[in-house]
Amino acid sequence: MRHWPPAAAAPVVPLRPDREETKREKFERIGGKRMNATLASIKRLGNLGNRSIYEFSEEDATKMIGALNGAIGDLATRLKDRRKAPGFKF
């Protein structure tokens, strides 16, 4: 059972007291948590496909899938190396 209000977040403790967290370590720490939460949410969305419990149209499903694909496209654009010039390559 979740409690409200949520407990205050614990302060970030450096891996080693004599140095600060690197950008890479921060990316991995935060990215891992966000990916796990996102994948769990997508799994829960998939549970809506149980037609013995829920009623939806193909149009509803298409809208949901389109929204997810759009968000994935936005994510891919943001994570790609922006320094690469667009153009034709073999």
PDB file of N, CA and C in Angstrom:
ATOM      1  N   MET A   1       0.827  -1.171   0.000  1.00  0.00           N
ATOM      2  CA  MET A   1       0.000   0.000   0.000  1.00  0.00           C
ATOM      3  C   MET A   1       0.879   1.245   0.000  1.00  0.00           C
ATOM      4  N   ARG A   2       0.578   2.183  -0.854  1.00  0.00           N
ATOM      5  CA  ARG A   2       1.358   3.408  -0.926  1.00  0.00           C
ATOM      6  C   ARG A   2       0.885   4.383   0.131  1.00  0.00           C
ATOM      7  N   HIS A   3       1.808   5.146   0.642  1.00  0.00           N
ATOM      8  CA  HIS A   3       1.492   6.138   1.660  1.00  0.00           C
ATOM      9  C   HIS A   3       1.571   7.519   1.059  1.00  0.00           C
ATOM     10  N   TRP A   4       0.699   8.381   1.500  1.00  0.00           N
ATOM     11  CA  TRP A   4       0.720   9.755   1.013  1.00  0.00           C
ATOM     12  C   TRP A   4       0.798  10.679   2.196  1.00  0.00           C
ATOM     13  N   PRO A   5       1.585  11.684   2.206  1.00  0.00           N
ATOM     14  CA  PRO A   5       2.524  12.047   1.147  1.00  0.00           C
ATOM     15  C   PRO A   5       3.716  11.099   1.139  1.00  0.00           C
ATOM     16  N   PRO A   6       4.364  10.991  -0.024  1.00  0.00           N
ATOM     17  CA  PRO A   6       5.516  10.090  -0.107  1.00  0.00           C
ATOM     18  C   PRO A   6       6.640  10.576   0.791  1.00  0.00           C
ATOM     19  N   ALA A   7       7.418   9.640   1.242  1.00  0.00           N
ATOM     20  CA  ALA A   7       8.564   9.986   2.088  1.00  0.00           C
ATOM     21  C   ALA A   7       9.545  10.832   1.285  1.00  0.00           C
ATOM     22  N   ALA A   8      10.246  11.692   1.963  1.00  0.00           N
ATOM     23  CA  ALA A   8      11.244  12.534   1.300  1.00  0.00           C
ATOM     24  C   ALA A   8      12.326  11.647   0.696  1.00  0.00           C
ATOM     25  N   ALA A   9      12.774  12.032  -0.470  1.00  0.00           N
ATOM     26  CA  ALA A   9      13.810  11.264  -1.155  1.00  0.00           C
ATOM     27  C   ALA A   9      15.105  11.325  -0.355  1.00  0.00           C
ATOM     28  N   ALA A  10      15.783  10.208  -0.311  1.00  0.00           N
ATOM     29  CA  ALA A  10      17.054  10.161   0.395  1.00  0.00           C
ATOM     30  C   ALA A  10      18.087  10.977  -0.379  1.00  0.00           C
ATOM     31  N   PRO A  11      18.962  11.654   0.316  1.00  0.00           N
ATOM     32  CA  PRO A  11      19.980  12.434  -0.403  1.00  0.00           C
ATOM     33  C   PRO A  11      20.910  11.507  -1.181  1.00  0.00           C
ATOM     34  N   VAL A  12      21.428  12.026  -2.285  1.00  0.00           N
ATOM     35  CA  VAL A  12      22.345  11.237  -3.102  1.00  0.00           C
ATOM     36  C   VAL A  12      23.675  11.163  -2.374  1.00  0.00           C
ATOM     37  N   VAL A  13      24.101   9.947  -2.127  1.00  0.00           N
ATOM     38  CA  VAL A  13      25.372   9.736  -1.448  1.00  0.00           C
ATOM     39  C   VAL A  13      26.376   9.315  -2.502  1.00  0.00           C
ATOM     40  N   PRO A  14      27.488  10.034  -2.604  1.00  0.00           N
ATOM     41  CA  PRO A  14      28.493   9.653  -3.600  1.00  0.00           C
ATOM     42  C   PRO A  14      28.965   8.223  -3.365  1.00  0.00           C
ATOM     43  N   LEU A  15      29.337   7.565  -4.454  1.00  0.00           N
ATOM     44  CA  LEU A  15      29.834   6.201  -4.339  1.00  0.00           C
ATOM     45  C   LEU A  15      31.079   6.161  -3.470  1.00  0.00           C
ATOM     46  N   ARG A  16      31.905   7.148  -3.649  1.00  0.00           N
ATOM     47  CA  ARG A  16      33.091   7.315  -2.819  1.00  0.00           C
ATOM     48  C   ARG A  16      33.025   8.718  -2.238  1.00  0.00           C
ATOM     49  N   PRO A  17      33.224   8.859  -0.953  1.00  0.00           N
ATOM     50  CA  PRO A  17      33.117  10.189  -0.343  1.00  0.00           C
ATOM     51  C   PRO A  17      34.110  11.201  -0.885  1.00  0.00           C
ATOM     52  N   ASP A  18      35.213  10.743  -1.481  1.00  0.00           N
ATOM     53  CA  ASP A  18      36.241  11.671  -1.950  1.00  0.00           C
ATOM     54  C   ASP A  18      36.016  12.148  -3.386  1.00  0.00           C
ATOM     55  N   ARG A  19      34.924  11.743  -4.033  1.00  0.00           N
ATOM     56  CA  ARG A  19      34.651  12.234  -5.390  1.00  0.00           C
ATOM     57  C   ARG A  19      33.155  12.342  -5.619  1.00  0.00           C
ATOM     58  N   GLU A  20      32.797  13.195  -6.562  1.00  0.00           N
ATOM     59  CA  GLU A  20      31.395  13.401  -6.907  1.00  0.00           C
ATOM     60  C   GLU A  20      30.978  12.402  -7.978  1.00  0.00           C
ATOM     61  N   GLU A  21      29.687  12.213  -8.099  1.00  0.00           N
ATOM     62  CA  GLU A  21      29.123  11.326  -9.111  1.00  0.00           C
ATOM     63  C   GLU A  21      29.392  11.898 -10.505  1.00  0.00           C
ATOM     64  N   THR A  22      29.863  11.029 -11.423  1.00  0.00           N
ATOM     65  CA  THR A  22      30.108  11.489 -12.787  1.00  0.00           C
ATOM     66  C   THR A  22      28.786  11.603 -13.534  1.00  0.00           C
ATOM     67  N   LYS A  23      28.826  12.282 -14.671  1.00  0.00           N
ATOM     68  CA  LYS A  23      27.628  12.397 -15.501  1.00  0.00           C
ATOM     69  C   LYS A  23      27.159  11.022 -15.962  1.00  0.00           C
ATOM     70  N   ARG A  24      28.095  10.144 -16.275  1.00  0.00           N
ATOM     71  CA  ARG A  24      27.759   8.789 -16.717  1.00  0.00           C
ATOM     72  C   ARG A  24      27.056   8.015 -15.600  1.00  0.00           C
ATOM     73  N   GLU A  25      27.624   8.104 -14.385  1.00  0.00           N
ATOM     74  CA  GLU A  25      27.026   7.404 -13.251  1.00  0.00           C
ATOM     75  C   GLU A  25      25.617   7.926 -12.968  1.00  0.00           C
ATOM     76  N   LYS A  26      25.453   9.241 -13.083  1.00  0.00           N
ATOM     77  CA  LYS A  26      24.139   9.843 -12.864  1.00  0.00           C
ATOM     78  C   LYS A  26      23.151   9.363 -13.928  1.00  0.00           C
ATOM     79  N   PHE A  27      23.602   9.309 -15.196  1.00  0.00           N
ATOM     80  CA  PHE A  27      22.762   8.816 -16.292  1.00  0.00           C
ATOM     81  C   PHE A  27      22.317   7.382 -16.013  1.00  0.00           C
ATOM     82  N   GLU A  28      23.255   6.529 -15.621  1.00  0.00           N
ATOM     83  CA  GLU A  28      22.933   5.128 -15.367  1.00  0.00           C
ATOM     84  C   GLU A  28      21.995   4.982 -14.171  1.00  0.00           C
ATOM     85  N   ARG A  29      22.233   5.749 -13.113  1.00  0.00           N
ATOM     86  CA  ARG A  29      21.403   5.657 -11.915  1.00  0.00           C
ATOM     87  C   ARG A  29      19.966   6.095 -12.210  1.00  0.00           C
ATOM     88  N   ILE A  30      19.818   7.261 -12.802  1.00  0.00           N
ATOM     89  CA  ILE A  30      18.484   7.794 -13.070  1.00  0.00           C
ATOM     90  C   ILE A  30      17.829   7.051 -14.232  1.00  0.00           C
ATOM     91  N   GLY A  31      18.600   6.802 -15.290  1.00  0.00           N
ATOM     92  CA  GLY A  31      18.063   6.115 -16.466  1.00  0.00           C
ATOM     93  C   GLY A  31      17.569   4.717 -16.147  1.00  0.00           C
ATOM     94  N   GLY A  32      18.289   4.000 -15.315  1.00  0.00           N
ATOM     95  CA  GLY A  32      17.864   2.654 -14.937  1.00  0.00           C
ATOM     96  C   GLY A  32      16.525   2.663 -14.208  1.00  0.00           C
ATOM     97  N   LYS A  33      16.385   3.592 -13.273  1.00  0.00           N
ATOM     98  CA  LYS A  33      15.124   3.688 -12.527  1.00  0.00           C
ATOM     99  C   LYS A  33      13.975   4.069 -13.456  1.00  0.00           C
ATOM    100  N   ARG A  34      14.213   5.045 -14.330  1.00  0.00           N
ATOM    101  CA  ARG A  34      13.145   5.499 -15.229  1.00  0.00           C
ATOM    102  C   ARG A  34      12.773   4.424 -16.238  1.00  0.00           C
ATOM    103  N   MET A  35      13.757   3.685 -16.745  1.00  0.00           N
ATOM    104  CA  MET A  35      13.454   2.606 -17.697  1.00  0.00           C
ATOM    105  C   MET A  35      12.632   1.520 -17.033  1.00  0.00           C
ATOM    106  N   ASN A  36      13.011   1.120 -15.829  1.00  0.00           N
ATOM    107  CA  ASN A  36      12.256   0.079 -15.132  1.00  0.00           C
ATOM    108  C   ASN A  36      10.822   0.527 -14.870  1.00  0.00           C
ATOM    109  N   ALA A  37      10.637   1.776 -14.467  1.00  0.00           N
ATOM    110  CA  ALA A  37       9.287   2.292 -14.216  1.00  0.00           C
ATOM    111  C   ALA A  37       8.489   2.349 -15.515  1.00  0.00           C
ATOM    112  N   THR A  38       9.135   2.767 -16.607  1.00  0.00           N
ATOM    113  CA  THR A  38       8.457   2.859 -17.900  1.00  0.00           C
ATOM    114  C   THR A  38       8.043   1.482 -18.406  1.00  0.00           C
ATOM    115  N   LEU A  39       8.949   0.517 -18.308  1.00  0.00           N
ATOM    116  CA  LEU A  39       8.629  -0.836 -18.761  1.00  0.00           C
ATOM    117  C   LEU A  39       7.494  -1.442 -17.936  1.00  0.00           C
ATOM    118  N   ALA A  40       7.478  -1.170 -16.641  1.00  0.00           N
ATOM    119  CA  ALA A  40       6.390  -1.665 -15.794  1.00  0.00           C
ATOM    120  C   ALA A  40       5.065  -1.013 -16.205  1.00  0.00           C
ATOM    121  N   SER A  41       5.103   0.268 -16.526  1.00  0.00           N
ATOM    122  CA  SER A  41       3.879   0.961 -16.952  1.00  0.00           C
ATOM    123  C   SER A  41       3.366   0.415 -18.274  1.00  0.00           C
ATOM    124  N   ILE A  42       4.269   0.133 -19.190  1.00  0.00           N
ATOM    125  CA  ILE A  42       3.865  -0.426 -20.482  1.00  0.00           C
ATOM    126  C   ILE A  42       3.250  -1.809 -20.281  1.00  0.00           C
ATOM    127  N   LYS A  43       3.818  -2.582 -19.372  1.00  0.00           N
ATOM    128  CA  LYS A  43       3.243  -3.904 -19.080  1.00  0.00           C
ATOM    129  C   LYS A  43       1.826  -3.752 -18.541  1.00  0.00           C
ATOM    130  N   ARG A  44       1.613  -2.775 -17.664  1.00  0.00           N
ATOM    131  CA  ARG A  44       0.271  -2.547 -17.127  1.00  0.00           C
ATOM    132  C   ARG A  44      -0.690  -2.104 -18.230  1.00  0.00           C
ATOM    133  N   LEU A  45      -0.206  -1.289 -19.174  1.00  0.00           N
ATOM    134  CA  LEU A  45      -1.054  -0.922 -20.314  1.00  0.00           C
ATOM    135  C   LEU A  45      -1.451  -2.163 -21.098  1.00  0.00           C
ATOM    136  N   GLY A  46      -0.513  -3.091 -21.247  1.00  0.00           N
ATOM    137  CA  GLY A  46      -0.801  -4.335 -21.958  1.00  0.00           C
ATOM    138  C   GLY A  46      -1.895  -5.145 -21.296  1.00  0.00           C
ATOM    139  N   ASN A  47      -2.003  -5.020 -19.984  1.00  0.00           N
ATOM    140  CA  ASN A  47      -3.066  -5.736 -19.271  1.00  0.00           C
ATOM    141  C   ASN A  47      -4.448  -5.272 -19.716  1.00  0.00           C
ATOM    142  N   LEU A  48      -4.547  -4.072 -20.272  1.00  0.00           N
ATOM    143  CA  LEU A  48      -5.831  -3.579 -20.769  1.00  0.00           C
ATOM    144  C   LEU A  48      -6.329  -4.379 -21.969  1.00  0.00           C
ATOM    145  N   GLY A  49      -5.484  -5.200 -22.543  1.00  0.00           N
ATOM    146  CA  GLY A  49      -5.876  -6.020 -23.680  1.00  0.00           C
ATOM    147  C   GLY A  49      -6.736  -7.218 -23.296  1.00  0.00           C
ATOM    148  N   ASN A  50      -6.971  -7.426 -22.018  1.00  0.00           N
ATOM    149  CA  ASN A  50      -7.799  -8.540 -21.556  1.00  0.00           C
ATOM    150  C   ASN A  50      -9.263  -8.203 -21.815  1.00  0.00           C
ATOM    151  N   ARG A  51      -9.793  -8.744 -22.890  1.00  0.00           N
ATOM    152  CA  ARG A  51     -11.160  -8.417 -23.320  1.00  0.00           C
ATOM    153  C   ARG A  51     -12.235  -9.000 -22.403  1.00  0.00           C
ATOM    154  N   SER A  52     -11.877  -9.897 -21.508  1.00  0.00           N
ATOM    155  CA  SER A  52     -12.878 -10.396 -20.570  1.00  0.00           C
ATOM    156  C   SER A  52     -13.122  -9.396 -19.433  1.00  0.00           C
ATOM    157  N   ILE A  53     -12.224  -8.419 -19.311  1.00  0.00           N
ATOM    158  CA  ILE A  53     -12.355  -7.403 -18.268  1.00  0.00           C
ATOM    159  C   ILE A  53     -12.645  -6.023 -18.851  1.00  0.00           C
ATOM    160  N   TYR A  54     -12.064  -5.718 -20.019  1.00  0.00           N
ATOM    161  CA  TYR A  54     -12.167  -4.385 -20.616  1.00  0.00           C
ATOM    162  C   TYR A  54     -12.817  -4.448 -21.991  1.00  0.00           C
ATOM    163  N   GLU A  55     -13.448  -3.364 -22.360  1.00  0.00           N
ATOM    164  CA  GLU A  55     -14.023  -3.239 -23.694  1.00  0.00           C
ATOM    165  C   GLU A  55     -13.369  -2.040 -24.369  1.00  0.00           C
ATOM    166  N   PHE A  56     -12.856  -2.262 -25.576  1.00  0.00           N
ATOM    167  CA  PHE A  56     -12.222  -1.189 -26.343  1.00  0.00           C
ATOM    168  C   PHE A  56     -12.315  -1.512 -27.821  1.00  0.00           C
ATOM    169  N   SER A  57     -12.188  -0.473 -28.627  1.00  0.00           N
ATOM    170  CA  SER A  57     -12.249  -0.663 -30.072  1.00  0.00           C
ATOM    171  C   SER A  57     -10.839  -0.737 -30.648  1.00  0.00           C
ATOM    172  N   GLU A  58     -10.778  -1.162 -31.893  1.00  0.00           N
ATOM    173  CA  GLU A  58      -9.483  -1.165 -32.584  1.00  0.00           C
ATOM    174  C   GLU A  58      -8.953   0.263 -32.715  1.00  0.00           C
ATOM    175  N   GLU A  59      -9.865   1.218 -32.863  1.00  0.00           N
ATOM    176  CA  GLU A  59      -9.459   2.621 -32.930  1.00  0.00           C
ATOM    177  C   GLU A  59      -8.796   3.057 -31.618  1.00  0.00           C
ATOM    178  N   ASP A  60      -9.343   2.623 -30.492  1.00  0.00           N
ATOM    179  CA  ASP A  60      -8.735   2.928 -29.194  1.00  0.00           C
ATOM    180  C   ASP A  60      -7.308   2.382 -29.133  1.00  0.00           C
ATOM    181  N   ALA A  61      -7.161   1.123 -29.548  1.00  0.00           N
ATOM    182  CA  ALA A  61      -5.846   0.481 -29.519  1.00  0.00           C
ATOM    183  C   ALA A  61      -4.871   1.203 -30.442  1.00  0.00           C
ATOM    184  N   THR A  62      -5.344   1.578 -31.624  1.00  0.00           N
ATOM    185  CA  THR A  62      -4.491   2.285 -32.582  1.00  0.00           C
ATOM    186  C   THR A  62      -4.030   3.623 -32.022  1.00  0.00           C
ATOM    187  N   LYS A  63      -4.931   4.338 -31.337  1.00  0.00           N
ATOM    188  CA  LYS A  63      -4.556   5.626 -30.734  1.00  0.00           C
ATOM    189  C   LYS A  63      -3.489   5.444 -29.657  1.00  0.00           C
ATOM    190  N   MET A  64      -3.659   4.434 -28.813  1.00  0.00           N
ATOM    191  CA  MET A  64      -2.686   4.188 -27.753  1.00  0.00           C
ATOM    192  C   MET A  64      -1.324   3.813 -28.319  1.00  0.00           C
ATOM    193  N   ILE A  65      -1.331   2.924 -29.299  1.00  0.00           N
ATOM    194  CA  ILE A  65      -0.078   2.483 -29.912  1.00  0.00           C
ATOM    195  C   ILE A  65       0.589   3.650 -30.628  1.00  0.00           C
ATOM    196  N   GLY A  66      -0.206   4.482 -31.316  1.00  0.00           N
ATOM    197  CA  GLY A  66       0.345   5.650 -31.996  1.00  0.00           C
ATOM    198  C   GLY A  66       0.985   6.629 -31.030  1.00  0.00           C
ATOM    199  N   ALA A  67       0.345   6.848 -29.872  1.00  0.00           N
ATOM    200  CA  ALA A  67       0.907   7.753 -28.871  1.00  0.00           C
ATOM    201  C   ALA A  67       2.226   7.208 -28.332  1.00  0.00           C
ATOM    202  N   LEU A  68       2.274   5.906 -28.082  1.00  0.00           N
ATOM    203  CA  LEU A  68       3.514   5.301 -27.598  1.00  0.00           C
ATOM    204  C   LEU A  68       4.614   5.377 -28.653  1.00  0.00           C
ATOM    205  N   ASN A  69       4.269   5.071 -29.906  1.00  0.00           N
ATOM    206  CA  ASN A  69       5.268   5.156 -30.979  1.00  0.00           C
ATOM    207  C   ASN A  69       5.784   6.578 -31.148  1.00  0.00           C
ATOM    208  N   GLY A  70       4.897   7.560 -31.022  1.00  0.00           N
ATOM    209  CA  GLY A  70       5.321   8.957 -31.107  1.00  0.00           C
ATOM    210  C   GLY A  70       6.289   9.318 -29.992  1.00  0.00           C
ATOM    211  N   ALA A  71       5.994   8.855 -28.777  1.00  0.00           N
ATOM    212  CA  ALA A  71       6.877   9.132 -27.638  1.00  0.00           C
ATOM    213  C   ALA A  71       8.232   8.445 -27.833  1.00  0.00           C
ATOM    214  N   ILE A  72       8.235   7.231 -28.382  1.00  0.00           N
ATOM    215  CA  ILE A  72       9.495   6.525 -28.655  1.00  0.00           C
ATOM    216  C   ILE A  72      10.293   7.282 -29.712  1.00  0.00           C
ATOM    217  N   GLY A  73       9.621   7.797 -30.738  1.00  0.00           N
ATOM    218  CA  GLY A  73      10.303   8.583 -31.762  1.00  0.00           C
ATOM    219  C   GLY A  73      10.927   9.835 -31.182  1.00  0.00           C
ATOM    220  N   ASP A  74      10.204  10.514 -30.303  1.00  0.00           N
ATOM    221  CA  ASP A  74      10.748  11.704 -29.640  1.00  0.00           C
ATOM    222  C   ASP A  74      11.961  11.351 -28.791  1.00  0.00           C
ATOM    223  N   LEU A  75      11.874  10.234 -28.075  1.00  0.00           N
ATOM    224  CA  LEU A  75      12.987   9.782 -27.253  1.00  0.00           C
ATOM    225  C   LEU A  75      14.206   9.484 -28.117  1.00  0.00           C
ATOM    226  N   ALA A  76      13.997   8.781 -29.211  1.00  0.00           N
ATOM    227  CA  ALA A  76      15.110   8.437 -30.099  1.00  0.00           C
ATOM    228  C   ALA A  76      15.785   9.691 -30.635  1.00  0.00           C
ATOM    229  N   THR A  77      15.001  10.686 -30.988  1.00  0.00           N
ATOM    230  CA  THR A  77      15.563  11.941 -31.500  1.00  0.00           C
ATOM    231  C   THR A  77      16.409  12.620 -30.429  1.00  0.00           C
ATOM    232  N   ARG A  78      15.922  12.625 -29.199  1.00  0.00           N
ATOM    233  CA  ARG A  78      16.640  13.311 -28.125  1.00  0.00           C
ATOM    234  C   ARG A  78      17.915  12.589 -27.727  1.00  0.00           C
ATOM    235  N   LEU A  79      17.937  11.258 -27.845  1.00  0.00           N
ATOM    236  CA  LEU A  79      19.108  10.499 -27.414  1.00  0.00           C
ATOM    237  C   LEU A  79      20.172  10.346 -28.496  1.00  0.00           C
ATOM    238  N   LYS A  80      19.805  10.583 -29.737  1.00  0.00           N
ATOM    239  CA  LYS A  80      20.785  10.449 -30.812  1.00  0.00           C
ATOM    240  C   LYS A  80      21.836  11.539 -30.703  1.00  0.00           C
ATOM    241  N   ASP A  81      22.994  11.247 -31.253  1.00  0.00           N
ATOM    242  CA  ASP A  81      24.084  12.220 -31.261  1.00  0.00           C
ATOM    243  C   ASP A  81      23.712  13.362 -32.192  1.00  0.00           C
ATOM    244  N   ARG A  82      23.489  14.522 -31.626  1.00  0.00           N
ATOM    245  CA  ARG A  82      23.058  15.675 -32.412  1.00  0.00           C
ATOM    246  C   ARG A  82      24.196  16.295 -33.209  1.00  0.00           C
ATOM    247  N   ARG A  83      25.410  15.892 -32.929  1.00  0.00           N
ATOM    248  CA  ARG A  83      26.546  16.470 -33.651  1.00  0.00           C
ATOM    249  C   ARG A  83      26.675  15.920 -35.074  1.00  0.00           C
ATOM    250  N   LYS A  84      26.071  14.789 -35.324  1.00  0.00           N
ATOM    251  CA  LYS A  84      26.131  14.199 -36.658  1.00  0.00           C
ATOM    252  C   LYS A  84      25.278  15.023 -37.623  1.00  0.00           C
ATOM    253  N   ALA A  85      25.867  15.384 -38.721  1.00  0.00           N
ATOM    254  CA  ALA A  85      25.134  16.168 -39.723  1.00  0.00           C
ATOM    255  C   ALA A  85      24.210  15.235 -40.504  1.00  0.00           C
ATOM    256  N   PRO A  86      22.964  15.651 -40.710  1.00  0.00           N
ATOM    257  CA  PRO A  86      22.076  14.804 -41.501  1.00  0.00           C
ATOM    258  C   PRO A  86      22.530  14.804 -42.957  1.00  0.00           C
ATOM    259  N   GLY A  87      22.313  13.724 -43.599  1.00  0.00           N
ATOM    260  CA  GLY A  87      22.703  13.629 -44.996  1.00  0.00           C
ATOM    261  C   GLY A  87      22.773  12.183 -45.434  1.00  0.00           C
ATOM    262  N   PHE A  88      23.174  12.010 -46.667  1.00  0.00           N
ATOM    263  CA  PHE A  88      23.230  10.679 -47.259  1.00  0.00           C
ATOM    264  C   PHE A  88      24.571  10.026 -46.957  1.00  0.00           C
ATOM    265  N   LYS A  89      24.547   8.731 -46.617  1.00  0.00           N
ATOM    266  CA  LYS A  89      25.768   7.959 -46.394  1.00  0.00           C
ATOM    267  C   LYS A  89      25.599   6.573 -46.969  1.00  0.00           C
ATOM    268  N   PHE A  90      26.704   6.001 -47.415  1.00  0.00           N
ATOM    269  CA  PHE A  90      26.703   4.604 -47.835  1.00  0.00           C
ATOM    270  C   PHE A  90      27.224   3.747 -46.726  1.00  0.00           C
TER     271      PHE A  90
END
